[in-house]
Protein backbone atom coordinates (compact mmCIF):
# COMPACT_ATOMS: atom_id res chain seq x y z
CA MET A 1 27.72 18.66 -12.21
CA ASP A 2 28.03 21.95 -14.06
CA THR A 3 29.61 24.42 -11.64
CA LYS A 4 32.29 24.73 -9.00
CA GLN A 5 29.47 24.95 -6.47
CA ASP A 6 28.30 21.46 -7.48
CA VAL A 7 31.77 20.04 -6.88
CA LEU A 8 32.01 21.85 -3.54
CA HIS A 9 28.62 20.42 -2.56
CA VAL A 10 29.88 16.87 -3.18
CA LEU A 11 33.04 17.54 -1.18
CA ARG A 12 31.05 19.03 1.72
CA CYS A 13 28.81 15.95 1.72
CA VAL A 14 31.90 13.79 2.17
CA ALA A 15 33.17 16.06 4.95
CA GLU A 16 29.80 15.89 6.72
CA GLY A 17 29.48 12.13 6.28
CA CYS A 18 26.50 12.30 3.92
CA LYS A 19 28.48 10.53 1.19
CA THR A 20 31.30 8.05 1.28
CA PRO A 21 34.51 8.96 -0.56
CA GLU A 22 33.75 6.14 -3.01
CA GLU A 23 30.32 7.60 -3.82
CA ALA A 24 31.82 11.04 -4.35
CA LEU A 25 34.54 9.62 -6.59
CA LEU A 26 31.91 7.88 -8.72
CA GLU A 27 29.95 11.13 -9.13
CA LEU A 28 33.05 13.05 -10.13
CA LYS A 29 34.14 10.34 -12.57
CA MET A 30 30.73 10.29 -14.27
CA ALA A 31 30.37 14.06 -14.46
CA PRO A 32 33.06 15.27 -16.90
CA TYR A 33 31.28 14.60 -20.19
CA GLU A 34 28.16 13.13 -21.71
CA ASP A 35 28.10 11.21 -25.00
CA VAL A 36 24.92 12.07 -26.95
CA GLY A 37 26.00 10.29 -30.11
CA CYS A 38 26.81 13.29 -32.28
CA ALA A 39 28.97 14.95 -29.62
CA LYS A 40 30.67 14.45 -26.27
CA ILE A 41 29.50 17.36 -24.14
CA ASP A 42 32.05 18.76 -21.71
CA HIS A 43 29.95 19.41 -18.61
CA HIS A 44 33.08 20.21 -16.58
CA ARG A 45 34.03 23.16 -18.80
CA SER A 46 32.46 25.69 -16.44
CA VAL A 47 34.22 24.11 -13.45
CA ARG A 48 37.61 24.39 -15.13
CA GLN A 49 37.19 27.66 -17.02
CA GLY A 50 34.29 29.52 -15.45
CA ALA A 51 32.10 29.34 -18.57
CA ALA A 52 30.09 26.51 -20.09
CA GLU A 53 30.93 24.91 -23.43
CA VAL A 54 29.98 27.04 -26.43
CA ILE A 55 28.38 25.39 -29.45
CA TYR A 56 29.80 26.19 -32.89
CA GLY A 57 26.73 26.11 -35.12
CA ALA A 58 28.43 25.98 -38.52
CA GLY A 59 28.72 22.41 -39.79
CA LYS A 60 26.07 21.08 -37.42
CA ASN A 61 22.48 20.41 -38.45
CA PRO A 62 19.51 21.59 -36.34
CA ASN A 63 18.91 18.11 -34.92
CA GLN A 64 22.50 17.84 -33.66
CA ILE A 65 22.35 21.31 -32.14
CA SER A 66 19.03 20.46 -30.47
CA GLN A 67 20.50 17.27 -28.96
CA ILE A 68 23.53 19.07 -27.57
CA VAL A 69 21.62 22.06 -26.21
CA GLY A 70 18.88 19.85 -24.78
CA ALA A 71 21.42 17.73 -22.88
CA MET A 72 23.13 20.83 -21.50
CA GLY A 73 19.77 22.28 -20.47
CA ARG A 74 18.81 19.09 -18.63
CA LYS A 75 22.03 19.42 -16.63
CA GLY A 76 21.01 22.90 -15.56
CA GLY A 77 22.87 24.82 -18.26
CA ARG A 78 21.62 28.35 -18.87
CA ASN A 79 22.64 31.10 -21.31
CA ILE A 80 24.13 28.49 -23.63
CA LEU A 81 25.83 30.25 -26.52
CA ILE A 82 25.48 28.96 -30.10
CA THR A 83 27.71 30.81 -32.57
CA ARG A 84 27.63 31.01 -36.37
CA LEU A 85 24.00 29.93 -36.49
CA SER A 86 22.08 30.81 -39.65
CA PRO A 87 18.46 32.03 -39.39
CA GLU A 88 17.28 28.87 -41.16
CA LYS A 89 18.99 26.59 -38.64
CA ALA A 90 17.76 28.68 -35.73
CA ALA A 91 14.18 28.34 -36.96
CA ALA A 92 14.55 24.56 -37.21
CA ILE A 93 15.84 23.95 -33.67
CA ASP A 94 13.53 22.01 -31.35
CA PRO A 95 10.77 24.48 -30.36
CA ALA A 96 10.79 23.05 -26.82
CA ILE A 97 14.18 24.70 -26.31
CA PRO A 98 13.91 28.38 -25.27
CA LEU A 99 16.02 30.28 -27.79
CA GLU A 100 16.91 33.95 -28.16
CA TYR A 101 18.29 34.62 -31.66
CA ARG A 102 20.48 37.59 -32.62
CA GLU A 103 20.36 38.07 -36.39
CA ILE A 104 23.28 40.50 -36.94
CA PRO A 105 25.99 38.33 -35.31
CA GLN A 106 24.09 35.14 -36.21
CA LEU A 107 24.24 33.63 -32.77
CA ALA A 108 21.67 32.31 -30.32
CA ILE A 109 21.31 32.02 -26.56
CA ALA A 110 19.55 28.85 -25.40
CA PHE A 111 17.75 28.76 -22.05
CA PRO A 112 18.32 32.51 -21.64
CA CYS A 113 18.15 34.01 -18.16
CA GLU A 114 19.24 37.26 -16.60
CA ARG A 115 22.56 37.41 -14.80
CA PRO A 116 24.41 40.29 -13.14
CA LEU A 117 26.87 42.08 -15.43
CA ARG A 118 30.22 43.19 -14.07
CA GLY A 119 32.97 45.61 -15.01
CA LYS A 120 33.13 47.24 -18.41
CA VAL A 121 34.21 46.07 -21.85
CA VAL A 122 34.11 48.49 -24.78
CA VAL A 123 33.62 47.04 -28.26
CA ALA A 124 34.59 49.53 -30.97
CA THR A 125 34.43 49.22 -34.75
CA ALA A 126 36.15 51.15 -37.48
CA GLY A 127 33.05 51.10 -39.66
CA THR A 128 29.45 49.95 -39.81
CA SER A 129 30.49 47.04 -42.06
CA ASP A 130 32.38 45.55 -39.11
CA ALA A 131 29.24 45.40 -36.96
CA SER A 132 28.46 41.68 -37.40
CA VAL A 133 31.87 40.62 -36.03
CA ALA A 134 31.70 43.27 -33.31
CA GLU A 135 28.24 42.13 -32.23
CA GLU A 136 29.52 38.56 -31.98
CA ALA A 137 32.19 39.84 -29.59
CA ALA A 138 29.78 42.04 -27.64
CA CYS A 139 27.08 39.39 -27.26
CA THR A 140 29.62 36.76 -26.22
CA ALA A 141 31.03 38.98 -23.48
CA GLU A 142 27.53 39.90 -22.28
CA VAL A 143 26.33 36.29 -22.13
CA LEU A 144 29.42 35.40 -20.09
CA GLY A 145 28.72 38.19 -17.58
CA SER A 146 30.42 41.39 -18.72
CA ARG A 147 28.85 44.81 -19.07
CA VAL A 148 29.46 45.91 -22.65
CA VAL A 149 29.46 49.37 -24.19
CA ARG A 150 29.29 49.52 -27.99
CA MET A 151 31.09 52.27 -29.87
CA PHE A 152 30.60 51.70 -33.59
CA ASP A 153 31.88 53.56 -36.66
CA VAL A 154 34.76 55.42 -35.02
CA GLY A 155 37.53 54.48 -37.46
CA VAL A 156 40.55 56.47 -38.58
CA ALA A 157 38.84 57.77 -41.73
CA GLY A 158 37.18 60.24 -39.35
CA LEU A 159 39.33 60.19 -36.24
CA HIS A 160 37.38 63.03 -34.61
CA ARG A 161 34.53 60.52 -34.06
CA LEU A 162 36.77 58.50 -31.78
CA LEU A 163 38.44 61.42 -30.02
CA SER A 164 35.08 63.00 -29.16
CA ASN A 165 34.02 59.77 -27.39
CA LEU A 166 37.19 58.95 -25.46
CA ASP A 167 35.43 59.23 -22.09
CA ALA A 168 33.64 55.95 -22.84
CA PHE A 169 36.99 54.13 -23.07
CA MET A 170 38.83 55.59 -20.10
CA ASP A 171 37.28 53.38 -17.39
CA ALA A 172 37.10 50.18 -19.47
CA ARG A 173 38.83 47.04 -18.25
CA CYS A 174 39.30 45.85 -21.83
CA VAL A 175 38.73 47.25 -25.32
CA VAL A 176 37.90 45.15 -28.37
CA ALA A 177 38.90 46.98 -31.56
CA VAL A 178 37.27 45.57 -34.68
CA ALA A 179 38.49 46.77 -38.08
CA GLY A 180 38.93 45.70 -41.67
CA MET A 181 40.71 47.53 -44.52
CA GLU A 182 44.18 48.33 -43.06
CA GLY A 183 43.10 47.66 -39.46
CA ALA A 184 44.52 50.91 -38.05
CA LEU A 185 41.92 51.34 -35.30
CA ALA A 186 43.62 48.78 -33.01
CA SER A 187 46.95 50.67 -33.02
CA VAL A 188 45.19 53.95 -32.31
CA MET A 189 43.28 52.43 -29.39
CA GLY A 190 46.44 50.80 -28.06
CA GLY A 191 48.06 54.22 -27.82
CA LEU A 192 45.13 55.84 -26.00
CA VAL A 193 43.92 53.50 -23.25
CA ASP A 194 45.52 51.97 -20.15
CA CYS A 195 43.80 48.58 -20.44
CA PRO A 196 44.39 45.57 -22.72
CA VAL A 197 43.24 45.97 -26.32
CA ILE A 198 42.08 42.94 -28.28
CA ALA A 199 42.39 43.56 -32.01
CA VAL A 200 39.98 41.79 -34.35
CA PRO A 201 40.77 41.95 -38.08
CA THR A 202 37.74 41.57 -40.33
CA SER A 203 37.45 40.42 -43.92
CA VAL A 204 35.92 43.79 -44.85
CA GLY A 205 37.88 45.58 -47.57
CA TYR A 206 38.80 45.83 -51.22
CA GLY A 207 40.94 43.35 -53.18
CA ALA A 208 44.33 44.11 -51.64
CA ASN A 209 42.80 43.50 -48.23
CA PHE A 210 43.04 39.78 -49.13
CA GLY A 211 39.99 38.78 -47.11
CA GLY A 212 41.30 40.34 -43.89
CA LEU A 213 44.96 39.33 -44.20
CA SER A 214 46.07 42.94 -44.61
CA ALA A 215 44.29 43.99 -41.41
CA LEU A 216 45.64 40.94 -39.57
CA LEU A 217 49.25 41.72 -40.51
CA SER A 218 48.83 45.40 -39.64
CA MET A 219 47.48 44.51 -36.20
CA LEU A 220 50.25 41.97 -35.59
CA ASN A 221 52.82 44.64 -36.49
CA SER A 222 51.29 47.34 -34.30
CA CYS A 223 53.79 49.51 -32.43
CA ALA A 224 51.26 50.12 -29.62
CA SER A 225 51.98 48.12 -26.48
CA GLY A 226 49.29 46.17 -24.67
CA SER A 227 47.51 44.88 -27.78
CA SER A 228 46.84 41.27 -28.74
CA VAL A 229 45.30 39.92 -31.94
CA VAL A 230 42.76 37.19 -32.63
CA ASN A 231 42.01 35.55 -35.96
CA ILE A 232 40.17 37.14 -38.87
CA ASP A 233 36.45 37.66 -38.12
CA ASN A 234 36.82 35.90 -34.75
CA GLY A 235 34.43 38.05 -32.75
CA PHE A 236 33.63 35.14 -30.45
CA GLY A 237 37.27 34.63 -29.47
CA ALA A 238 37.70 38.33 -28.77
CA GLY A 239 34.53 38.52 -26.66
CA TYR A 240 35.50 35.43 -24.67
CA LEU A 241 38.99 36.77 -23.92
CA ALA A 242 37.66 40.24 -23.10
CA ASN A 243 35.29 38.72 -20.55
CA MET A 244 38.12 36.75 -18.94
CA ILE A 245 40.20 39.92 -18.59
CA ASN A 246 37.23 41.87 -17.28
CA GLN A 247 36.30 39.22 -14.69
CA MET A 248 39.91 38.89 -13.48
CA GLU A 249 40.16 42.65 -13.04
CA GLY A 250 37.13 42.59 -10.76
CA ILE A 251 38.09 39.54 -8.72
CA ASP A 252 38.90 41.54 -5.56
CA GLU A 253 35.75 43.66 -5.61
């Protein structure tokens, strides 16, 4: 029982007399999660949050990932996102599982299928070195159903690059600003657009950057209103939140 539609189907069956309330209760009680040994898969995640459980690939071996993805696929799961997945692990996943691998963000989409994309999320980076984190954000938002526009290498070291492309940001429902070094891009974006800005500090930078801490603190101390900050290198978290904002903006369409 993976979607709200599945739950509604059970409830309609009770209303129409096709199922007894006791039978429906049993189905709902059995549906929330599945224990596959190495993990307890939350099949109700999409019912509660609108998106299926995402698999964090780091720390899991290919066999564990295959078990989890396989179980989700058997329940009808599609476009299952696996983050932080190395090329070696991706190659070792059960070949019976359809897998689309993205090398730059090191993530995979299991049981991929097309879905309509809504709204507009812009993912911008200060520099090319931030692209892996930005792609994690962009791919996450796309898999979850958002239309994404990428605007890379528009940082403050050459601000004219950003200003000459402002049209791309003006109709966005959310902007993800990805930057290392001093993380100034997020503040600049926060002062230019009328939508929420999600700031993503990256670990890109020289020694005093302290592995992204400098960018994180700069973004937290931004004077631009309407900006929020996720953790260092957390492209997935930014993409997930951007999709939620984007989908809520379009709820009345």
